[in-house]
Amino acid sequence: YDGKGYPEGLKGKEIPLSASIISVADSFDAMTTDRPYRKALTREEALLELKRCSGTQFDPDVVKVACKALLQQI
């Protein structure tokens, strides 16, 4: 989100909304799924990580909506 991404270095609203949504969803899924090299994070830990990276790695508006939607599922 901050322009440091690959391959084109897009930042902010230059990044298509669909790509921002997929990025948050994919990251949440990756964090909450067991991997051979690490255990899954809890839902709460993953939400905290999304919030921590909001504005740098992720679109803050997308993170806000995703967190709200995921918290409603609890």
PDB file of N, CA and C in Angstrom:
ATOM      1  N   TYR A   1       0.818  -1.191   0.000  1.00  0.00           N
ATOM      2  CA  TYR A   1       0.000   0.000   0.000  1.00  0.00           C
ATOM      3  C   TYR A   1       0.865   1.258   0.000  1.00  0.00           C
ATOM      4  N   ASP A   2       2.069   1.138   0.524  1.00  0.00           N
ATOM      5  CA  ASP A   2       2.941   2.307   0.635  1.00  0.00           C
ATOM      6  C   ASP A   2       3.859   2.499  -0.567  1.00  0.00           C
ATOM      7  N   GLY A   3       3.654   1.707  -1.627  1.00  0.00           N
ATOM      8  CA  GLY A   3       4.449   1.870  -2.843  1.00  0.00           C
ATOM      9  C   GLY A   3       5.696   1.020  -2.904  1.00  0.00           C
ATOM     10  N   LYS A   4       5.933   0.208  -1.880  1.00  0.00           N
ATOM     11  CA  LYS A   4       7.145  -0.611  -1.849  1.00  0.00           C
ATOM     12  C   LYS A   4       6.910  -2.020  -2.390  1.00  0.00           C
ATOM     13  N   GLY A   5       5.711  -2.266  -2.920  1.00  0.00           N
ATOM     14  CA  GLY A   5       5.367  -3.607  -3.385  1.00  0.00           C
ATOM     15  C   GLY A   5       5.887  -3.939  -4.767  1.00  0.00           C
ATOM     16  N   TYR A   6       5.777  -5.215  -5.087  1.00  0.00           N
ATOM     17  CA  TYR A   6       6.238  -5.769  -6.350  1.00  0.00           C
ATOM     18  C   TYR A   6       5.011  -6.049  -7.206  1.00  0.00           C
ATOM     19  N   PRO A   7       5.014  -5.889  -8.487  1.00  0.00           N
ATOM     20  CA  PRO A   7       6.153  -5.541  -9.335  1.00  0.00           C
ATOM     21  C   PRO A   7       6.193  -4.066  -9.723  1.00  0.00           C
ATOM     22  N   GLU A   8       5.087  -3.354  -9.559  1.00  0.00           N
ATOM     23  CA  GLU A   8       5.017  -2.008 -10.136  1.00  0.00           C
ATOM     24  C   GLU A   8       5.167  -0.871  -9.140  1.00  0.00           C
ATOM     25  N   GLY A   9       5.276  -1.159  -7.872  1.00  0.00           N
ATOM     26  CA  GLY A   9       5.449  -0.108  -6.880  1.00  0.00           C
ATOM     27  C   GLY A   9       4.261   0.833  -6.768  1.00  0.00           C
ATOM     28  N   LEU A  10       3.059   0.310  -7.019  1.00  0.00           N
ATOM     29  CA  LEU A  10       1.865   1.143  -6.898  1.00  0.00           C
ATOM     30  C   LEU A  10       1.643   1.501  -5.435  1.00  0.00           C
ATOM     31  N   LYS A  11       0.995   2.640  -5.209  1.00  0.00           N
ATOM     32  CA  LYS A  11       0.708   3.020  -3.830  1.00  0.00           C
ATOM     33  C   LYS A  11      -0.678   3.624  -3.715  1.00  0.00           C
ATOM     34  N   GLY A  12      -1.204   3.524  -2.514  1.00  0.00           N
ATOM     35  CA  GLY A  12      -2.494   4.119  -2.212  1.00  0.00           C
ATOM     36  C   GLY A  12      -3.586   3.712  -3.179  1.00  0.00           C
ATOM     37  N   LYS A  13      -4.296   4.708  -3.658  1.00  0.00           N
ATOM     38  CA  LYS A  13      -5.452   4.460  -4.518  1.00  0.00           C
ATOM     39  C   LYS A  13      -5.063   4.071  -5.941  1.00  0.00           C
ATOM     40  N   GLU A  14      -3.768   4.016  -6.260  1.00  0.00           N
ATOM     41  CA  GLU A  14      -3.326   3.478  -7.553  1.00  0.00           C
ATOM     42  C   GLU A  14      -3.574   1.972  -7.608  1.00  0.00           C
ATOM     43  N   ILE A  15      -3.659   1.336  -6.447  1.00  0.00           N
ATOM     44  CA  ILE A  15      -3.878  -0.106  -6.360  1.00  0.00           C
ATOM     45  C   ILE A  15      -5.373  -0.365  -6.531  1.00  0.00           C
ATOM     46  N   PRO A  16      -5.751  -1.234  -7.472  1.00  0.00           N
ATOM     47  CA  PRO A  16      -7.180  -1.528  -7.651  1.00  0.00           C
ATOM     48  C   PRO A  16      -7.804  -2.060  -6.358  1.00  0.00           C
ATOM     49  N   LEU A  17      -9.043  -1.656  -6.100  1.00  0.00           N
ATOM     50  CA  LEU A  17      -9.742  -2.096  -4.895  1.00  0.00           C
ATOM     51  C   LEU A  17      -9.782  -3.617  -4.810  1.00  0.00           C
ATOM     52  N   SER A  18     -10.033  -4.270  -5.931  1.00  0.00           N
ATOM     53  CA  SER A  18     -10.096  -5.739  -5.922  1.00  0.00           C
ATOM     54  C   SER A  18      -8.774  -6.343  -5.451  1.00  0.00           C
ATOM     55  N   ALA A  19      -7.667  -5.775  -5.862  1.00  0.00           N
ATOM     56  CA  ALA A  19      -6.356  -6.273  -5.445  1.00  0.00           C
ATOM     57  C   ALA A  19      -6.139  -6.052  -3.948  1.00  0.00           C
ATOM     58  N   SER A  20      -6.599  -4.923  -3.437  1.00  0.00           N
ATOM     59  CA  SER A  20      -6.465  -4.645  -2.000  1.00  0.00           C
ATOM     60  C   SER A  20      -7.284  -5.628  -1.171  1.00  0.00           C
ATOM     61  N   ILE A  21      -8.482  -5.939  -1.642  1.00  0.00           N
ATOM     62  CA  ILE A  21      -9.344  -6.890  -0.936  1.00  0.00           C
ATOM     63  C   ILE A  21      -8.711  -8.279  -0.942  1.00  0.00           C
ATOM     64  N   ILE A  22      -8.237  -8.702  -2.102  1.00  0.00           N
ATOM     65  CA  ILE A  22      -7.608 -10.023  -2.212  1.00  0.00           C
ATOM     66  C   ILE A  22      -6.363 -10.105  -1.337  1.00  0.00           C
ATOM     67  N   SER A  23      -5.594  -9.038  -1.278  1.00  0.00           N
ATOM     68  CA  SER A  23      -4.379  -9.023  -0.464  1.00  0.00           C
ATOM     69  C   SER A  23      -4.692  -9.247   1.014  1.00  0.00           C
ATOM     70  N   VAL A  24      -5.700  -8.552   1.518  1.00  0.00           N
ATOM     71  CA  VAL A  24      -6.084  -8.701   2.924  1.00  0.00           C
ATOM     72  C   VAL A  24      -6.640 -10.107   3.171  1.00  0.00           C
ATOM     73  N   ALA A  25      -7.515 -10.575   2.288  1.00  0.00           N
ATOM     74  CA  ALA A  25      -8.117 -11.901   2.459  1.00  0.00           C
ATOM     75  C   ALA A  25      -7.062 -13.003   2.397  1.00  0.00           C
ATOM     76  N   ASP A  26      -6.162 -12.909   1.430  1.00  0.00           N
ATOM     77  CA  ASP A  26      -5.115 -13.919   1.285  1.00  0.00           C
ATOM     78  C   ASP A  26      -4.185 -13.923   2.496  1.00  0.00           C
ATOM     79  N   SER A  27      -3.831 -12.751   2.978  1.00  0.00           N
ATOM     80  CA  SER A  27      -2.945 -12.662   4.141  1.00  0.00           C
ATOM     81  C   SER A  27      -3.618 -13.220   5.387  1.00  0.00           C
ATOM     82  N   PHE A  28      -4.892 -12.898   5.583  1.00  0.00           N
ATOM     83  CA  PHE A  28      -5.624 -13.427   6.733  1.00  0.00           C
ATOM     84  C   PHE A  28      -5.676 -14.951   6.663  1.00  0.00           C
ATOM     85  N   ASP A  29      -5.981 -15.476   5.486  1.00  0.00           N
ATOM     86  CA  ASP A  29      -6.032 -16.927   5.310  1.00  0.00           C
ATOM     87  C   ASP A  29      -4.674 -17.563   5.602  1.00  0.00           C
ATOM     88  N   ALA A  30      -3.621 -16.969   5.087  1.00  0.00           N
ATOM     89  CA  ALA A  30      -2.275 -17.510   5.306  1.00  0.00           C
ATOM     90  C   ALA A  30      -1.907 -17.489   6.788  1.00  0.00           C
ATOM     91  N   MET A  31      -2.271 -16.419   7.475  1.00  0.00           N
ATOM     92  CA  MET A  31      -1.924 -16.309   8.891  1.00  0.00           C
ATOM     93  C   MET A  31      -2.706 -17.277   9.766  1.00  0.00           C
ATOM     94  N   THR A  32      -3.931 -17.612   9.365  1.00  0.00           N
ATOM     95  CA  THR A  32      -4.791 -18.443  10.209  1.00  0.00           C
ATOM     96  C   THR A  32      -4.810 -19.911   9.781  1.00  0.00           C
ATOM     97  N   THR A  33      -3.884 -20.300   8.930  1.00  0.00           N
ATOM     98  CA  THR A  33      -3.767 -21.683   8.463  1.00  0.00           C
ATOM     99  C   THR A  33      -2.435 -22.262   8.938  1.00  0.00           C
ATOM    100  N   ASP A  34      -2.497 -23.477   9.485  1.00  0.00           N
ATOM    101  CA  ASP A  34      -1.253 -24.153   9.877  1.00  0.00           C
ATOM    102  C   ASP A  34      -0.360 -24.351   8.659  1.00  0.00           C
ATOM    103  N   ARG A  35       0.927 -24.164   8.866  1.00  0.00           N
ATOM    104  CA  ARG A  35       1.941 -24.388   7.831  1.00  0.00           C
ATOM    105  C   ARG A  35       2.938 -25.405   8.372  1.00  0.00           C
ATOM    106  N   PRO A  36       3.679 -26.068   7.501  1.00  0.00           N
ATOM    107  CA  PRO A  36       4.667 -27.036   7.994  1.00  0.00           C
ATOM    108  C   PRO A  36       5.711 -26.393   8.912  1.00  0.00           C
ATOM    109  N   TYR A  37       5.942 -25.103   8.738  1.00  0.00           N
ATOM    110  CA  TYR A  37       6.997 -24.408   9.478  1.00  0.00           C
ATOM    111  C   TYR A  37       6.490 -23.556  10.638  1.00  0.00           C
ATOM    112  N   ARG A  38       5.153 -23.469  10.814  1.00  0.00           N
ATOM    113  CA  ARG A  38       4.611 -22.711  11.944  1.00  0.00           C
ATOM    114  C   ARG A  38       3.130 -23.027  12.151  1.00  0.00           C
ATOM    115  N   LYS A  39       2.688 -22.826  13.380  1.00  0.00           N
ATOM    116  CA  LYS A  39       1.279 -23.003  13.709  1.00  0.00           C
ATOM    117  C   LYS A  39       0.493 -21.775  13.258  1.00  0.00           C
ATOM    118  N   ALA A  40      -0.774 -21.971  13.031  1.00  0.00           N
ATOM    119  CA  ALA A  40      -1.651 -20.871  12.642  1.00  0.00           C
ATOM    120  C   ALA A  40      -1.786 -19.866  13.787  1.00  0.00           C
ATOM    121  N   LEU A  41      -1.945 -18.611  13.416  1.00  0.00           N
ATOM    122  CA  LEU A  41      -2.287 -17.588  14.402  1.00  0.00           C
ATOM    123  C   LEU A  41      -3.768 -17.721  14.736  1.00  0.00           C
ATOM    124  N   THR A  42      -4.152 -17.259  15.907  1.00  0.00           N
ATOM    125  CA  THR A  42      -5.578 -17.189  16.220  1.00  0.00           C
ATOM    126  C   THR A  42      -6.201 -16.082  15.381  1.00  0.00           C
ATOM    127  N   ARG A  43      -7.505 -16.091  15.297  1.00  0.00           N
ATOM    128  CA  ARG A  43      -8.220 -15.038  14.570  1.00  0.00           C
ATOM    129  C   ARG A  43      -7.851 -13.667  15.140  1.00  0.00           C
ATOM    130  N   GLU A  44      -7.805 -13.572  16.465  1.00  0.00           N
ATOM    131  CA  GLU A  44      -7.495 -12.299  17.110  1.00  0.00           C
ATOM    132  C   GLU A  44      -6.078 -11.838  16.785  1.00  0.00           C
ATOM    133  N   GLU A  45      -5.117 -12.761  16.802  1.00  0.00           N
ATOM    134  CA  GLU A  45      -3.733 -12.415  16.461  1.00  0.00           C
ATOM    135  C   GLU A  45      -3.625 -11.949  15.013  1.00  0.00           C
ATOM    136  N   ALA A  46      -4.331 -12.622  14.122  1.00  0.00           N
ATOM    137  CA  ALA A  46      -4.300 -12.241  12.711  1.00  0.00           C
ATOM    138  C   ALA A  46      -4.925 -10.861  12.499  1.00  0.00           C
ATOM    139  N   LEU A  47      -6.008 -10.578  13.191  1.00  0.00           N
ATOM    140  CA  LEU A  47      -6.632  -9.257  13.075  1.00  0.00           C
ATOM    141  C   LEU A  47      -5.687  -8.165  13.577  1.00  0.00           C
ATOM    142  N   LEU A  48      -4.993  -8.430  14.663  1.00  0.00           N
ATOM    143  CA  LEU A  48      -4.018  -7.462  15.170  1.00  0.00           C
ATOM    144  C   LEU A  48      -2.905  -7.219  14.157  1.00  0.00           C
ATOM    145  N   GLU A  49      -2.468  -8.280  13.486  1.00  0.00           N
ATOM    146  CA  GLU A  49      -1.413  -8.139  12.476  1.00  0.00           C
ATOM    147  C   GLU A  49      -1.916  -7.336  11.274  1.00  0.00           C
ATOM    148  N   LEU A  50      -3.146  -7.568  10.857  1.00  0.00           N
ATOM    149  CA  LEU A  50      -3.712  -6.766   9.766  1.00  0.00           C
ATOM    150  C   LEU A  50      -3.742  -5.288  10.161  1.00  0.00           C
ATOM    151  N   LYS A  51      -4.177  -5.022  11.381  1.00  0.00           N
ATOM    152  CA  LYS A  51      -4.236  -3.635  11.855  1.00  0.00           C
ATOM    153  C   LYS A  51      -2.840  -3.023  11.949  1.00  0.00           C
ATOM    154  N   ARG A  52      -1.871  -3.816  12.399  1.00  0.00           N
ATOM    155  CA  ARG A  52      -0.495  -3.318  12.515  1.00  0.00           C
ATOM    156  C   ARG A  52       0.055  -2.918  11.153  1.00  0.00           C
ATOM    157  N   CYS A  53      -0.297  -3.657  10.128  1.00  0.00           N
ATOM    158  CA  CYS A  53       0.221  -3.402   8.773  1.00  0.00           C
ATOM    159  C   CYS A  53      -0.687  -2.488   7.956  1.00  0.00           C
ATOM    160  N   SER A  54      -1.749  -2.012   8.569  1.00  0.00           N
ATOM    161  CA  SER A  54      -2.673  -1.103   7.890  1.00  0.00           C
ATOM    162  C   SER A  54      -1.974   0.220   7.589  1.00  0.00           C
ATOM    163  N   GLY A  55      -2.056   0.637   6.334  1.00  0.00           N
ATOM    164  CA  GLY A  55      -1.422   1.886   5.930  1.00  0.00           C
ATOM    165  C   GLY A  55      -0.033   1.712   5.360  1.00  0.00           C
ATOM    166  N   THR A  56       0.568   0.551   5.584  1.00  0.00           N
ATOM    167  CA  THR A  56       1.870   0.257   4.978  1.00  0.00           C
ATOM    168  C   THR A  56       1.727  -0.874   3.975  1.00  0.00           C
ATOM    169  N   GLN A  57       1.335  -2.052   4.450  1.00  0.00           N
ATOM    170  CA  GLN A  57       1.149  -3.199   3.559  1.00  0.00           C
ATOM    171  C   GLN A  57      -0.272  -3.258   3.002  1.00  0.00           C
ATOM    172  N   PHE A  58      -1.246  -2.819   3.788  1.00  0.00           N
ATOM    173  CA  PHE A  58      -2.652  -2.949   3.413  1.00  0.00           C
ATOM    174  C   PHE A  58      -3.362  -1.600   3.401  1.00  0.00           C
ATOM    175  N   ASP A  59      -4.388  -1.514   2.550  1.00  0.00           N
ATOM    176  CA  ASP A  59      -5.261  -0.340   2.490  1.00  0.00           C
ATOM    177  C   ASP A  59      -6.028  -0.257   3.812  1.00  0.00           C
ATOM    178  N   PRO A  60      -5.903   0.851   4.541  1.00  0.00           N
ATOM    179  CA  PRO A  60      -6.572   0.968   5.841  1.00  0.00           C
ATOM    180  C   PRO A  60      -8.089   0.820   5.761  1.00  0.00           C
ATOM    181  N   ASP A  61      -8.695   1.302   4.690  1.00  0.00           N
ATOM    182  CA  ASP A  61     -10.150   1.179   4.546  1.00  0.00           C
ATOM    183  C   ASP A  61     -10.564  -0.281   4.386  1.00  0.00           C
ATOM    184  N   VAL A  62      -9.792  -1.039   3.632  1.00  0.00           N
ATOM    185  CA  VAL A  62     -10.094  -2.460   3.433  1.00  0.00           C
ATOM    186  C   VAL A  62      -9.884  -3.225   4.736  1.00  0.00           C
ATOM    187  N   VAL A  63      -8.834  -2.919   5.461  1.00  0.00           N
ATOM    188  CA  VAL A  63      -8.582  -3.580   6.746  1.00  0.00           C
ATOM    189  C   VAL A  63      -9.732  -3.307   7.708  1.00  0.00           C
ATOM    190  N   LYS A  64     -10.186  -2.073   7.763  1.00  0.00           N
ATOM    191  CA  LYS A  64     -11.276  -1.707   8.672  1.00  0.00           C
ATOM    192  C   LYS A  64     -12.533  -2.520   8.369  1.00  0.00           C
ATOM    193  N   VAL A  65     -12.901  -2.610   7.098  1.00  0.00           N
ATOM    194  CA  VAL A  65     -14.099  -3.356   6.704  1.00  0.00           C
ATOM    195  C   VAL A  65     -13.908  -4.854   6.953  1.00  0.00           C
ATOM    196  N   ALA A  66     -12.738  -5.377   6.622  1.00  0.00           N
ATOM    197  CA  ALA A  66     -12.471  -6.805   6.824  1.00  0.00           C
ATOM    198  C   ALA A  66     -12.527  -7.162   8.308  1.00  0.00           C
ATOM    199  N   CYS A  67     -11.911  -6.354   9.141  1.00  0.00           N
ATOM    200  CA  CYS A  67     -11.920  -6.623  10.580  1.00  0.00           C
ATOM    201  C   CYS A  67     -13.341  -6.588  11.128  1.00  0.00           C
ATOM    202  N   LYS A  68     -14.116  -5.620  10.699  1.00  0.00           N
ATOM    203  CA  LYS A  68     -15.505  -5.518  11.149  1.00  0.00           C
ATOM    204  C   LYS A  68     -16.286  -6.762  10.737  1.00  0.00           C
ATOM    205  N   ALA A  69     -16.127  -7.188   9.490  1.00  0.00           N
ATOM    206  CA  ALA A  69     -16.839  -8.372   8.998  1.00  0.00           C
ATOM    207  C   ALA A  69     -16.394  -9.629   9.740  1.00  0.00           C
ATOM    208  N   LEU A  70     -15.100  -9.773   9.960  1.00  0.00           N
ATOM    209  CA  LEU A  70     -14.590 -10.962  10.641  1.00  0.00           C
ATOM    210  C   LEU A  70     -14.993 -10.991  12.111  1.00  0.00           C
ATOM    211  N   LEU A  71     -15.062  -9.843  12.749  1.00  0.00           N
ATOM    212  CA  LEU A  71     -15.484  -9.794  14.148  1.00  0.00           C
ATOM    213  C   LEU A  71     -16.957 -10.140  14.296  1.00  0.00           C
ATOM    214  N   GLN A  72     -17.766  -9.847  13.291  1.00  0.00           N
ATOM    215  CA  GLN A  72     -19.194 -10.180  13.345  1.00  0.00           C
ATOM    216  C   GLN A  72     -19.423 -11.679  13.255  1.00  0.00           C
ATOM    217  N   GLN A  73     -18.445 -12.422  12.743  1.00  0.00           N
ATOM    218  CA  GLN A  73     -18.572 -13.873  12.604  1.00  0.00           C
ATOM    219  C   GLN A  73     -18.283 -14.610  13.903  1.00  0.00           C
ATOM    220  N   ILE A  74     -17.739 -13.910  14.873  1.00  0.00           N
ATOM    221  CA  ILE A  74     -17.366 -14.569  16.144  1.00  0.00           C
ATOM    222  C   ILE A  74     -18.609 -14.825  16.972  1.00  0.00           C
TER     223      ILE A  74
END
